[in-house]
Structure formats: structure tokens, C-alpha cells
Amino acid sequence: MTQFNINTLNRGRFIWVLLGGLFLVGFALAQFPLSELTKILTLLFCIPVLMWLAVRLNRSSSVWEINSSNIRITKENKTTEIPVADIAYVKNHMRSGGNLIVLHRHSKSGPFRFWRNKLFMADDDFDKLIPKFRELQIEIVLG
């Protein structure tokens, strides 16, 4: 069994923290008698800080354990087990902050989606995971 550690992100909570933070900073700035230009520039300079905070609050690590018959993904105390024979292909959607890894199955049920995070994180085992899929003869589609 081969094990890979992948940095993941709860994308929904990340967006809520980022947008909620922008809203709160904007609301706070509206309470002060500053020029509009000052308020806009302050809000723009808060965006990287809010992104860092949103990533720090919503990051997690997932462990992918792969053998010849199963893929077991453990993330936030939740384990998903997928038989290798059930995977039709893996689609890797590259994004500026990471990747959306979608495991499409042969069955009509929906695919499994995992957000890989590269923002403010150290390197993970993603570059070793892709060759492992190829070794198991699972097609990788780049998107």
C-alpha cells in the first residue's frame, strides 16, 4: 500500500471567510470619515491578509492510501473508499490556488471531488500521486 499526503482545503468555508472578511472590513471602513480612495485602497490591501487567514482556518491534510484494488482517502476524520475498478478516469482541473481532482466512476452516481490547496502551503505528494494513477492504468485528463 502506498500513501500520499495531499494538502486540501474546504473550499466552501474558505469562500465564506474570505467574502465575510471583505464585507466586515468594508463595513468597518464605512464607519470612519475617510476618503473613498483611502477606503478602497485599504480594502484592496486587506485581500491578501484575508486570503491567508481563510486558508489557515480551512486547510486540512488528506491521506490517500492506494493499493492495486482500492483507493482510501481520509480527510477531516472522514474516510472514502473507492475500488480502482470503479474509476473511469481522473480529471485534474488546474487552478491558480491548487487543483480540483475529480474521480469519475463508471457507475451513474456522481464523481468524488477533492480540492488540493497550494496557497501558503509546503509541497505535498501530488506529483507522486499522478504517476501512481497511471501505474494503475487509470486515465488522467488534464483540464
N, C-alpha and C. Protein backbone atom coordinates (compact mmCIF):
# COMPACT_ATOMS: atom_id res chain seq x y z
N MET A 1 0.85 -1.18 0.00
CA MET A 1 0.00 0.00 0.00
C MET A 1 0.89 1.24 0.00
N THR A 2 0.58 2.16 -0.88
CA THR A 2 1.32 3.40 -0.98
C THR A 2 0.48 4.52 -0.39
N GLN A 3 1.13 5.43 0.32
CA GLN A 3 0.43 6.51 1.00
C GLN A 3 0.94 7.86 0.51
N PHE A 4 -0.01 8.79 0.27
CA PHE A 4 0.32 10.13 -0.20
C PHE A 4 -0.39 11.15 0.70
N ASN A 5 0.32 12.20 1.09
CA ASN A 5 -0.28 13.30 1.85
C ASN A 5 -0.53 14.46 0.91
N ILE A 6 -1.78 14.87 0.80
CA ILE A 6 -2.18 15.94 -0.11
C ILE A 6 -2.80 17.07 0.72
N ASN A 7 -2.33 18.30 0.49
CA ASN A 7 -2.91 19.47 1.16
C ASN A 7 -4.28 19.75 0.55
N THR A 8 -5.29 19.79 1.37
CA THR A 8 -6.64 20.05 0.88
C THR A 8 -7.21 21.29 1.55
N LEU A 9 -8.36 21.71 1.05
CA LEU A 9 -8.99 22.94 1.51
C LEU A 9 -10.49 22.75 1.46
N ASN A 10 -11.17 23.17 2.52
CA ASN A 10 -12.63 23.20 2.47
C ASN A 10 -13.00 24.47 1.72
N ARG A 11 -13.30 24.32 0.44
CA ARG A 11 -13.48 25.45 -0.45
C ARG A 11 -14.67 26.33 -0.05
N GLY A 12 -15.76 25.72 0.41
CA GLY A 12 -16.94 26.48 0.81
C GLY A 12 -16.65 27.39 1.99
N ARG A 13 -16.03 26.85 3.03
CA ARG A 13 -15.69 27.68 4.20
C ARG A 13 -14.64 28.72 3.85
N PHE A 14 -13.70 28.37 2.96
CA PHE A 14 -12.69 29.33 2.51
C PHE A 14 -13.36 30.56 1.90
N ILE A 15 -14.31 30.33 1.01
CA ILE A 15 -15.00 31.45 0.35
C ILE A 15 -15.80 32.27 1.36
N TRP A 16 -16.47 31.60 2.30
CA TRP A 16 -17.25 32.32 3.31
C TRP A 16 -16.35 33.20 4.18
N VAL A 17 -15.19 32.70 4.59
CA VAL A 17 -14.28 33.50 5.41
C VAL A 17 -13.75 34.67 4.59
N LEU A 18 -13.36 34.42 3.35
CA LEU A 18 -12.81 35.49 2.51
C LEU A 18 -13.86 36.57 2.23
N LEU A 19 -15.02 36.17 1.76
CA LEU A 19 -16.05 37.17 1.45
C LEU A 19 -16.61 37.83 2.71
N GLY A 20 -16.78 37.03 3.77
CA GLY A 20 -17.25 37.61 5.04
C GLY A 20 -16.26 38.61 5.59
N GLY A 21 -14.97 38.29 5.49
CA GLY A 21 -13.94 39.22 5.94
C GLY A 21 -13.94 40.49 5.13
N LEU A 22 -14.09 40.38 3.81
CA LEU A 22 -14.16 41.58 2.97
C LEU A 22 -15.37 42.44 3.34
N PHE A 23 -16.50 41.78 3.60
CA PHE A 23 -17.70 42.50 3.99
C PHE A 23 -17.49 43.22 5.32
N LEU A 24 -16.91 42.52 6.30
CA LEU A 24 -16.69 43.13 7.62
C LEU A 24 -15.71 44.30 7.56
N VAL A 25 -14.63 44.14 6.80
CA VAL A 25 -13.66 45.23 6.66
C VAL A 25 -14.31 46.41 5.95
N GLY A 26 -15.07 46.12 4.89
CA GLY A 26 -15.77 47.20 4.18
C GLY A 26 -16.77 47.91 5.07
N PHE A 27 -17.51 47.15 5.87
CA PHE A 27 -18.48 47.75 6.79
C PHE A 27 -17.77 48.60 7.84
N ALA A 28 -16.65 48.10 8.38
CA ALA A 28 -15.89 48.87 9.37
C ALA A 28 -15.33 50.15 8.77
N LEU A 29 -14.83 50.06 7.56
CA LEU A 29 -14.28 51.25 6.91
C LEU A 29 -15.37 52.29 6.62
N ALA A 30 -16.57 51.84 6.38
CA ALA A 30 -17.68 52.76 6.09
C ALA A 30 -18.04 53.59 7.32
N GLN A 31 -17.65 53.12 8.50
CA GLN A 31 -17.98 53.84 9.73
C GLN A 31 -17.04 55.01 10.02
N PHE A 32 -15.94 55.09 9.29
CA PHE A 32 -14.95 56.14 9.53
C PHE A 32 -15.06 57.22 8.45
N PRO A 33 -14.82 58.46 8.83
CA PRO A 33 -14.90 59.57 7.86
C PRO A 33 -13.61 59.68 7.04
N LEU A 34 -13.34 58.68 6.22
CA LEU A 34 -12.16 58.68 5.36
C LEU A 34 -12.59 58.93 3.92
N SER A 35 -11.66 59.31 3.08
CA SER A 35 -11.99 59.49 1.67
C SER A 35 -12.28 58.12 1.04
N GLU A 36 -13.06 58.12 -0.01
CA GLU A 36 -13.42 56.86 -0.68
C GLU A 36 -12.18 56.15 -1.21
N LEU A 37 -11.23 56.91 -1.72
CA LEU A 37 -10.00 56.32 -2.24
C LEU A 37 -9.24 55.58 -1.13
N THR A 38 -9.16 56.16 0.03
CA THR A 38 -8.49 55.53 1.18
C THR A 38 -9.20 54.24 1.57
N LYS A 39 -10.52 54.27 1.57
CA LYS A 39 -11.29 53.07 1.92
C LYS A 39 -11.05 51.95 0.91
N ILE A 40 -11.06 52.29 -0.36
CA ILE A 40 -10.86 51.29 -1.42
C ILE A 40 -9.46 50.71 -1.35
N LEU A 41 -8.44 51.55 -1.19
CA LEU A 41 -7.07 51.06 -1.11
C LEU A 41 -6.85 50.19 0.12
N THR A 42 -7.45 50.58 1.24
CA THR A 42 -7.34 49.77 2.46
C THR A 42 -7.98 48.40 2.24
N LEU A 43 -9.16 48.39 1.62
CA LEU A 43 -9.85 47.12 1.34
C LEU A 43 -9.02 46.24 0.40
N LEU A 44 -8.41 46.85 -0.61
CA LEU A 44 -7.56 46.08 -1.54
C LEU A 44 -6.35 45.48 -0.85
N PHE A 45 -5.74 46.23 0.08
CA PHE A 45 -4.58 45.70 0.80
C PHE A 45 -4.96 44.64 1.82
N CYS A 46 -6.24 44.58 2.18
CA CYS A 46 -6.70 43.54 3.12
C CYS A 46 -6.92 42.19 2.43
N ILE A 47 -7.06 42.18 1.12
CA ILE A 47 -7.37 40.94 0.40
C ILE A 47 -6.31 39.85 0.64
N PRO A 48 -4.99 40.11 0.50
CA PRO A 48 -4.01 39.04 0.76
C PRO A 48 -4.05 38.55 2.21
N VAL A 49 -4.26 39.44 3.15
CA VAL A 49 -4.33 39.05 4.56
C VAL A 49 -5.54 38.16 4.79
N LEU A 50 -6.67 38.53 4.20
CA LEU A 50 -7.89 37.73 4.35
C LEU A 50 -7.75 36.37 3.66
N MET A 51 -7.07 36.34 2.51
CA MET A 51 -6.83 35.05 1.84
C MET A 51 -5.97 34.15 2.71
N TRP A 52 -4.91 34.70 3.29
CA TRP A 52 -4.04 33.93 4.17
C TRP A 52 -4.83 33.40 5.35
N LEU A 53 -5.65 34.26 5.97
CA LEU A 53 -6.46 33.85 7.11
C LEU A 53 -7.46 32.77 6.72
N ALA A 54 -8.10 32.93 5.57
CA ALA A 54 -9.09 31.95 5.11
C ALA A 54 -8.44 30.59 4.86
N VAL A 55 -7.24 30.59 4.30
CA VAL A 55 -6.53 29.32 4.06
C VAL A 55 -6.13 28.70 5.39
N ARG A 56 -5.59 29.49 6.29
CA ARG A 56 -5.15 28.96 7.58
C ARG A 56 -6.30 28.36 8.38
N LEU A 57 -7.47 28.96 8.30
CA LEU A 57 -8.62 28.46 9.05
C LEU A 57 -9.27 27.23 8.42
N ASN A 58 -9.09 27.02 7.11
CA ASN A 58 -9.83 25.98 6.41
C ASN A 58 -8.95 24.93 5.75
N ARG A 59 -7.68 24.95 6.02
CA ARG A 59 -6.80 23.96 5.42
C ARG A 59 -6.89 22.65 6.20
N SER A 60 -6.60 21.60 5.49
CA SER A 60 -6.52 20.29 6.13
C SER A 60 -5.60 19.43 5.28
N SER A 61 -5.28 18.29 5.80
CA SER A 61 -4.44 17.36 5.06
C SER A 61 -5.25 16.11 4.80
N SER A 62 -5.13 15.59 3.62
CA SER A 62 -5.79 14.32 3.32
C SER A 62 -4.72 13.27 3.08
N VAL A 63 -5.05 12.06 3.45
CA VAL A 63 -4.13 10.93 3.27
C VAL A 63 -4.77 10.00 2.25
N TRP A 64 -4.07 9.76 1.15
CA TRP A 64 -4.52 8.88 0.09
C TRP A 64 -3.72 7.59 0.20
N GLU A 65 -4.39 6.50 0.51
CA GLU A 65 -3.75 5.20 0.58
C GLU A 65 -4.22 4.39 -0.63
N ILE A 66 -3.26 3.98 -1.45
CA ILE A 66 -3.60 3.32 -2.70
C ILE A 66 -2.92 1.96 -2.77
N ASN A 67 -3.72 0.95 -3.08
CA ASN A 67 -3.16 -0.36 -3.41
C ASN A 67 -3.75 -0.78 -4.75
N SER A 68 -3.51 -1.98 -5.18
CA SER A 68 -3.93 -2.40 -6.52
C SER A 68 -5.45 -2.49 -6.68
N SER A 69 -6.19 -2.55 -5.58
CA SER A 69 -7.64 -2.72 -5.71
C SER A 69 -8.46 -1.57 -5.15
N ASN A 70 -7.92 -0.77 -4.24
CA ASN A 70 -8.71 0.29 -3.59
C ASN A 70 -7.92 1.58 -3.45
N ILE A 71 -8.68 2.68 -3.40
CA ILE A 71 -8.14 3.98 -3.04
C ILE A 71 -8.91 4.43 -1.81
N ARG A 72 -8.19 4.66 -0.72
CA ARG A 72 -8.81 5.12 0.51
C ARG A 72 -8.33 6.54 0.78
N ILE A 73 -9.29 7.48 0.89
CA ILE A 73 -8.96 8.88 1.11
C ILE A 73 -9.53 9.29 2.46
N THR A 74 -8.65 9.72 3.36
CA THR A 74 -9.07 10.15 4.68
C THR A 74 -8.83 11.66 4.79
N LYS A 75 -9.91 12.38 5.06
CA LYS A 75 -9.86 13.84 5.16
C LYS A 75 -10.81 14.28 6.26
N GLU A 76 -10.31 15.05 7.21
CA GLU A 76 -11.12 15.58 8.31
C GLU A 76 -11.92 14.48 9.00
N ASN A 77 -11.25 13.39 9.35
CA ASN A 77 -11.86 12.25 10.05
C ASN A 77 -12.98 11.58 9.26
N LYS A 78 -13.02 11.78 7.95
CA LYS A 78 -13.99 11.11 7.09
C LYS A 78 -13.20 10.29 6.06
N THR A 79 -13.55 9.03 5.93
CA THR A 79 -12.84 8.14 5.01
C THR A 79 -13.74 7.76 3.85
N THR A 80 -13.20 7.89 2.65
CA THR A 80 -13.88 7.49 1.43
C THR A 80 -13.07 6.38 0.80
N GLU A 81 -13.72 5.27 0.49
CA GLU A 81 -13.02 4.16 -0.13
C GLU A 81 -13.64 3.91 -1.50
N ILE A 82 -12.78 3.87 -2.51
CA ILE A 82 -13.24 3.71 -3.89
C ILE A 82 -12.48 2.54 -4.51
N PRO A 83 -13.18 1.55 -5.05
CA PRO A 83 -12.48 0.48 -5.76
C PRO A 83 -11.84 1.02 -7.05
N VAL A 84 -10.62 0.62 -7.31
CA VAL A 84 -9.91 1.08 -8.51
C VAL A 84 -10.70 0.71 -9.77
N ALA A 85 -11.34 -0.46 -9.77
CA ALA A 85 -12.10 -0.91 -10.94
C ALA A 85 -13.31 -0.02 -11.21
N ASP A 86 -13.76 0.74 -10.21
CA ASP A 86 -14.93 1.61 -10.35
C ASP A 86 -14.58 2.97 -10.95
N ILE A 87 -13.28 3.30 -11.05
CA ILE A 87 -12.87 4.62 -11.54
C ILE A 87 -12.71 4.58 -13.06
N ALA A 88 -13.49 5.41 -13.73
CA ALA A 88 -13.40 5.51 -15.19
C ALA A 88 -12.18 6.34 -15.59
N TYR A 89 -12.03 7.50 -14.96
CA TYR A 89 -10.88 8.37 -15.22
C TYR A 89 -10.80 9.42 -14.12
N VAL A 90 -9.66 10.07 -14.04
CA VAL A 90 -9.43 11.15 -13.08
C VAL A 90 -9.22 12.42 -13.88
N LYS A 91 -9.96 13.45 -13.54
CA LYS A 91 -9.79 14.74 -14.20
C LYS A 91 -9.11 15.69 -13.24
N ASN A 92 -8.03 16.29 -13.70
CA ASN A 92 -7.25 17.22 -12.90
C ASN A 92 -7.47 18.63 -13.44
N HIS A 93 -8.30 19.39 -12.75
CA HIS A 93 -8.55 20.79 -13.14
C HIS A 93 -7.53 21.65 -12.41
N MET A 94 -6.59 22.23 -13.16
CA MET A 94 -5.58 23.06 -12.54
C MET A 94 -6.15 24.45 -12.26
N ARG A 95 -5.92 24.93 -11.07
CA ARG A 95 -6.37 26.25 -10.64
C ARG A 95 -5.17 27.01 -10.09
N SER A 96 -5.31 28.33 -10.00
CA SER A 96 -4.18 29.14 -9.52
C SER A 96 -3.81 28.81 -8.08
N GLY A 97 -4.79 28.45 -7.26
CA GLY A 97 -4.51 28.15 -5.86
C GLY A 97 -4.36 26.67 -5.58
N GLY A 98 -4.45 25.84 -6.60
CA GLY A 98 -4.35 24.40 -6.38
C GLY A 98 -4.94 23.61 -7.53
N ASN A 99 -5.59 22.52 -7.20
CA ASN A 99 -6.19 21.66 -8.20
C ASN A 99 -7.55 21.18 -7.70
N LEU A 100 -8.44 20.96 -8.63
CA LEU A 100 -9.67 20.23 -8.33
C LEU A 100 -9.47 18.85 -8.93
N ILE A 101 -9.40 17.85 -8.07
CA ILE A 101 -9.20 16.46 -8.51
C ILE A 101 -10.57 15.79 -8.49
N VAL A 102 -11.02 15.34 -9.65
CA VAL A 102 -12.34 14.72 -9.76
C VAL A 102 -12.16 13.27 -10.19
N LEU A 103 -12.64 12.35 -9.36
CA LEU A 103 -12.59 10.94 -9.68
C LEU A 103 -13.94 10.53 -10.25
N HIS A 104 -13.98 10.32 -11.57
CA HIS A 104 -15.21 9.92 -12.25
C HIS A 104 -15.33 8.40 -12.20
N ARG A 105 -16.55 7.93 -11.93
CA ARG A 105 -16.78 6.49 -11.81
C ARG A 105 -17.53 5.96 -13.03
N HIS A 106 -17.44 4.66 -13.25
CA HIS A 106 -18.18 4.01 -14.33
C HIS A 106 -19.68 4.06 -14.08
N SER A 107 -20.07 4.01 -12.82
CA SER A 107 -21.49 3.99 -12.47
C SER A 107 -22.11 5.37 -12.71
N LYS A 108 -23.40 5.43 -12.69
CA LYS A 108 -24.12 6.68 -12.95
C LYS A 108 -24.06 7.65 -11.78
N SER A 109 -23.64 7.19 -10.62
CA SER A 109 -23.57 8.08 -9.47
C SER A 109 -22.49 9.14 -9.69
N GLY A 110 -22.60 10.22 -8.95
CA GLY A 110 -21.72 11.36 -9.15
C GLY A 110 -20.26 11.10 -8.82
N PRO A 111 -19.40 11.96 -9.31
CA PRO A 111 -17.96 11.80 -9.06
C PRO A 111 -17.58 12.29 -7.66
N PHE A 112 -16.37 11.94 -7.25
CA PHE A 112 -15.80 12.43 -6.00
C PHE A 112 -14.91 13.62 -6.34
N ARG A 113 -15.05 14.72 -5.57
CA ARG A 113 -14.26 15.93 -5.80
C ARG A 113 -13.42 16.24 -4.57
N PHE A 114 -12.15 16.61 -4.84
CA PHE A 114 -11.24 16.98 -3.77
C PHE A 114 -10.47 18.22 -4.21
N TRP A 115 -10.46 19.26 -3.35
CA TRP A 115 -9.71 20.48 -3.63
C TRP A 115 -8.32 20.35 -3.04
N ARG A 116 -7.33 20.43 -3.90
CA ARG A 116 -5.94 20.46 -3.44
C ARG A 116 -5.55 21.92 -3.29
N ASN A 117 -4.89 22.23 -2.20
CA ASN A 117 -4.51 23.60 -1.91
C ASN A 117 -3.00 23.78 -2.05
N LYS A 118 -2.60 24.82 -2.79
CA LYS A 118 -1.18 25.18 -2.89
C LYS A 118 -0.89 26.53 -2.24
N LEU A 119 -1.93 27.28 -1.85
CA LEU A 119 -1.74 28.60 -1.28
C LEU A 119 -1.15 28.52 0.12
N PHE A 120 -0.04 29.19 0.35
CA PHE A 120 0.58 29.31 1.66
C PHE A 120 0.89 27.94 2.29
N MET A 121 1.20 26.95 1.47
CA MET A 121 1.45 25.59 1.97
C MET A 121 2.79 25.08 1.47
N ALA A 122 3.36 24.14 2.20
CA ALA A 122 4.56 23.45 1.75
C ALA A 122 4.17 22.43 0.68
N ASP A 123 5.15 21.91 -0.02
CA ASP A 123 4.86 20.92 -1.06
C ASP A 123 4.23 19.67 -0.45
N ASP A 124 3.40 19.02 -1.26
CA ASP A 124 2.79 17.76 -0.84
C ASP A 124 3.18 16.66 -1.82
N ASP A 125 2.49 15.54 -1.78
CA ASP A 125 2.84 14.38 -2.60
C ASP A 125 2.05 14.30 -3.91
N PHE A 126 1.46 15.40 -4.35
CA PHE A 126 0.62 15.37 -5.55
C PHE A 126 1.39 14.90 -6.78
N ASP A 127 2.63 15.35 -6.92
CA ASP A 127 3.43 14.97 -8.09
C ASP A 127 3.77 13.48 -8.10
N LYS A 128 3.70 12.83 -6.96
CA LYS A 128 3.91 11.38 -6.89
C LYS A 128 2.59 10.61 -7.07
N LEU A 129 1.47 11.29 -6.78
CA LEU A 129 0.16 10.64 -6.88
C LEU A 129 -0.24 10.38 -8.34
N ILE A 130 0.02 11.32 -9.21
CA ILE A 130 -0.39 11.21 -10.62
C ILE A 130 0.25 9.99 -11.30
N PRO A 131 1.57 9.76 -11.16
CA PRO A 131 2.14 8.54 -11.76
C PRO A 131 1.56 7.25 -11.17
N LYS A 132 1.13 7.30 -9.91
CA LYS A 132 0.53 6.12 -9.31
C LYS A 132 -0.80 5.79 -9.99
N PHE A 133 -1.60 6.82 -10.35
CA PHE A 133 -2.83 6.58 -11.10
C PHE A 133 -2.51 5.94 -12.45
N ARG A 134 -1.49 6.44 -13.11
CA ARG A 134 -1.09 5.88 -14.41
C ARG A 134 -0.61 4.44 -14.26
N GLU A 135 0.09 4.16 -13.17
CA GLU A 135 0.56 2.81 -12.90
C GLU A 135 -0.62 1.84 -12.74
N LEU A 136 -1.73 2.33 -12.18
CA LEU A 136 -2.93 1.52 -12.01
C LEU A 136 -3.80 1.52 -13.28
N GLN A 137 -3.27 2.12 -14.34
CA GLN A 137 -3.95 2.22 -15.64
C GLN A 137 -5.26 2.99 -15.55
N ILE A 138 -5.25 4.06 -14.75
CA ILE A 138 -6.38 4.98 -14.65
C ILE A 138 -6.03 6.19 -15.51
N GLU A 139 -6.90 6.52 -16.43
CA GLU A 139 -6.66 7.64 -17.34
C GLU A 139 -6.70 8.96 -16.58
N ILE A 140 -5.72 9.83 -16.87
CA ILE A 140 -5.66 11.16 -16.29
C ILE A 140 -6.01 12.16 -17.38
N VAL A 141 -7.01 12.99 -17.12
CA VAL A 141 -7.43 14.02 -18.08
C VAL A 141 -7.08 15.36 -17.47
N LEU A 142 -6.29 16.14 -18.18
CA LEU A 142 -5.94 17.47 -17.69
C LEU A 142 -6.97 18.47 -18.20
N GLY A 143 -7.43 19.33 -17.32
CA GLY A 143 -8.45 20.29 -17.71
C GLY A 143 -8.23 21.65 -17.16
